[in-house]
């Protein structure tokens, strides 16, 4: 019962998401010098998944907040994952990156927000009205899981578009684990 609930909800969110986002996001990734990914809480974990797969795909990626993250510069891309687009720390990151001349992408449940107003592109996952309380999927679960699947499908698009063999991706995978 609960598996079906989750599958149906996430499916409805993804069906309501613009089908061209994977191509648009890939173009932004390809035009960036470097890519920085930021989120808070579980959205940050979703960003970590995406960052890892992008590294496997051959991109230069850093996760904001890690001790080895370099400074962002003009021509870089900052991807913010925030359901609300209002998380204070992420608003501050966005302001700093924008001032430096980096490009900003917001992945959000909302089409309008403080971060969205500063972003060069907003990718709204589903529609805002789909994010009411969902029994069994509390506190942002719907956005986080939907975003994870959206980003994984974007990675799938990249792999197929560029013809990246799994063997090459495995060579880029961490080997100190």
Protein backbone atom coordinates (compact mmCIF):
# COMPACT_ATOMS: atom_id res chain seq x y z
CA UNK A 1 0.00 0.00 0.00
CA UNK A 2 2.65 2.56 1.00
CA UNK A 3 4.92 1.74 -1.92
CA UNK A 4 2.05 2.38 -4.30
CA UNK A 5 1.23 5.67 -2.54
CA UNK A 6 4.81 6.90 -2.98
CA UNK A 7 5.05 5.72 -6.60
CA UNK A 8 1.76 7.33 -7.57
CA UNK A 9 2.57 10.65 -5.90
CA UNK A 10 6.06 10.93 -7.37
CA UNK A 11 4.74 9.89 -10.79
CA UNK A 12 2.10 12.63 -10.70
CA UNK A 13 4.74 15.23 -9.77
CA UNK A 14 7.08 14.15 -12.56
CA UNK A 15 4.23 14.07 -15.10
CA UNK A 16 3.46 17.71 -14.19
CA UNK A 17 7.13 18.73 -14.61
CA UNK A 18 8.23 20.39 -17.85
CA UNK A 19 9.56 17.64 -20.13
CA UNK A 20 12.26 19.91 -21.59
CA UNK A 21 14.07 20.54 -18.31
CA UNK A 22 16.59 17.74 -18.82
CA UNK A 23 17.76 19.25 -22.11
CA UNK A 24 17.82 22.78 -20.68
CA UNK A 25 19.74 21.70 -17.58
CA UNK A 26 22.24 19.76 -19.69
CA UNK A 27 22.89 22.87 -21.81
CA UNK A 28 23.52 24.91 -18.66
CA UNK A 29 25.86 22.25 -17.29
CA UNK A 30 27.78 22.05 -20.56
CA UNK A 31 28.22 25.82 -20.80
CA UNK A 32 29.52 26.20 -17.23
CA UNK A 33 33.21 26.36 -16.40
CA UNK A 34 32.54 24.57 -13.12
CA UNK A 35 29.42 23.44 -11.28
CA UNK A 36 28.55 24.05 -7.63
CA UNK A 37 25.59 22.36 -5.95
CA UNK A 38 23.92 23.54 -2.74
CA UNK A 39 20.95 22.51 -0.67
CA UNK A 40 19.97 22.18 2.96
CA UNK A 41 18.95 19.08 4.86
CA UNK A 42 17.61 16.28 2.68
CA UNK A 43 17.74 18.54 -0.39
CA UNK A 44 21.51 18.73 0.13
CA UNK A 45 21.62 14.93 0.12
CA UNK A 46 19.75 14.93 -3.19
CA UNK A 47 22.35 17.42 -4.44
CA UNK A 48 25.13 15.08 -3.31
CA UNK A 49 23.63 12.26 -5.40
CA UNK A 50 23.52 14.57 -8.42
CA UNK A 51 27.05 15.89 -7.86
CA UNK A 52 28.44 12.35 -7.73
CA UNK A 53 26.76 11.35 -10.97
CA UNK A 54 27.93 14.52 -12.71
CA UNK A 55 31.51 13.74 -11.68
CA UNK A 56 31.04 10.25 -13.14
CA UNK A 57 29.84 12.00 -16.31
CA UNK A 58 33.06 14.03 -16.54
CA UNK A 59 31.94 17.38 -15.12
CA UNK A 60 33.95 19.53 -12.70
CA UNK A 61 31.61 19.61 -9.69
CA UNK A 62 31.83 20.81 -6.09
CA UNK A 63 29.33 20.59 -3.25
CA UNK A 64 28.95 23.88 -1.38
CA UNK A 65 29.96 23.64 2.26
CA UNK A 66 32.59 20.93 1.93
CA UNK A 67 36.03 21.80 3.27
CA UNK A 68 37.66 21.42 -0.18
CA UNK A 69 35.10 23.43 -2.14
CA UNK A 70 36.88 26.16 -4.14
CA UNK A 71 35.62 29.71 -4.54
CA UNK A 72 32.96 30.26 -7.16
CA UNK A 73 33.78 32.59 -10.06
CA UNK A 74 32.14 34.25 -13.04
CA UNK A 75 31.17 31.63 -15.61
CA UNK A 76 30.52 28.96 -13.00
CA UNK A 77 27.07 27.51 -12.35
CA UNK A 78 25.46 27.33 -8.92
CA UNK A 79 22.58 24.88 -8.67
CA UNK A 80 20.40 25.46 -5.62
CA UNK A 81 17.97 22.73 -4.57
CA UNK A 82 15.30 24.20 -2.31
CA UNK A 83 11.65 23.28 -2.16
CA UNK A 84 10.72 26.71 -0.82
CA UNK A 85 13.37 28.83 -2.49
CA UNK A 86 13.53 30.74 0.79
CA UNK A 87 16.11 28.92 2.93
CA UNK A 88 18.14 31.71 4.52
CA UNK A 89 21.57 30.14 4.05
CA UNK A 90 20.82 29.33 0.42
CA UNK A 91 19.56 32.88 -0.19
CA UNK A 92 22.95 34.11 1.11
CA UNK A 93 24.84 31.69 -1.17
CA UNK A 94 22.78 32.88 -4.13
CA UNK A 95 23.43 36.57 -3.39
CA UNK A 96 27.18 35.94 -3.12
CA UNK A 97 27.36 33.89 -6.32
CA UNK A 98 25.23 36.40 -8.24
CA UNK A 99 27.47 39.30 -7.12
CA UNK A 100 30.52 37.41 -8.43
CA UNK A 101 28.90 36.74 -11.81
CA UNK A 102 28.09 33.04 -11.52
CA UNK A 103 24.97 31.69 -13.19
CA UNK A 104 22.24 30.46 -10.85
CA UNK A 105 19.72 27.65 -11.30
CA UNK A 106 17.04 26.97 -8.72
CA UNK A 107 15.34 23.59 -8.56
CA UNK A 108 12.21 24.12 -6.48
CA UNK A 109 8.61 23.22 -5.75
CA UNK A 110 7.67 26.87 -6.34
CA UNK A 111 7.83 29.01 -9.44
CA UNK A 112 8.34 32.22 -7.46
CA UNK A 113 10.64 32.79 -4.47
CA UNK A 114 13.49 34.93 -3.19
CA UNK A 115 16.11 32.64 -4.74
CA UNK A 116 14.02 32.24 -7.89
CA UNK A 117 13.94 36.02 -8.34
CA UNK A 118 17.76 36.05 -8.41
CA UNK A 119 18.17 32.88 -10.49
CA UNK A 120 18.89 32.76 -14.21
CA UNK A 121 16.60 29.73 -14.47
CA UNK A 122 14.02 28.08 -12.24
CA UNK A 123 13.09 24.46 -12.73
CA UNK A 124 9.83 23.86 -10.92
CA UNK A 125 9.35 20.20 -10.09
CA UNK A 126 5.63 19.55 -10.40
CA UNK A 127 3.11 22.27 -9.53
CA UNK A 128 2.92 24.11 -6.21
CA UNK A 129 -0.59 22.83 -5.46
CA UNK A 130 0.68 19.23 -5.55
CA UNK A 131 2.72 19.77 -2.40
CA UNK A 132 0.04 19.84 0.29
CA UNK A 133 0.22 17.40 3.18
CA UNK A 134 0.55 13.84 1.94
CA UNK A 135 -0.14 11.11 4.49
CA UNK A 136 2.93 8.92 4.80
CA UNK A 137 5.23 11.38 2.99
CA UNK A 138 5.97 14.11 5.57
CA UNK A 139 8.10 17.23 5.65
CA UNK A 140 9.32 17.67 2.09
CA UNK A 141 9.57 14.01 1.12
CA UNK A 142 7.51 14.55 -2.03
CA UNK A 143 9.81 17.32 -3.31
CA UNK A 144 13.02 15.53 -2.37
CA UNK A 145 12.12 12.21 -3.97
CA UNK A 146 10.67 13.87 -7.06
CA UNK A 147 13.81 16.00 -7.45
CA UNK A 148 16.06 12.99 -6.97
CA UNK A 149 14.26 11.13 -9.75
CA UNK A 150 14.22 14.21 -11.99
CA UNK A 151 17.99 14.65 -11.55
CA UNK A 152 18.68 10.94 -12.09
CA UNK A 153 16.68 11.10 -15.32
CA UNK A 154 18.74 14.15 -16.33
CA UNK A 155 21.90 12.11 -15.74
CA UNK A 156 20.39 9.38 -17.90
CA UNK A 157 19.77 11.97 -20.61
CA UNK A 158 23.39 13.16 -20.36
CA UNK A 159 24.79 9.63 -20.55
CA UNK A 160 22.73 8.80 -23.64
CA UNK A 161 23.23 12.20 -25.29
CA UNK A 162 27.01 12.05 -24.89
CA UNK A 163 27.35 8.29 -25.32
CA UNK A 164 29.27 7.91 -22.05
CA UNK A 165 30.00 4.21 -21.49
CA UNK A 166 29.50 2.83 -18.00
CA UNK A 167 33.13 1.66 -18.02
CA UNK A 168 34.29 5.30 -18.27
CA UNK A 169 31.93 6.28 -15.47
CA UNK A 170 33.34 3.48 -13.31
CA UNK A 171 36.88 4.78 -13.93
CA UNK A 172 35.75 8.14 -12.51
CA UNK A 173 34.07 6.55 -9.49
CA UNK A 174 35.82 6.88 -6.13
CA UNK A 175 38.20 4.02 -5.50
CA UNK A 176 39.13 4.85 -1.90
CA UNK A 177 36.03 3.45 -0.26
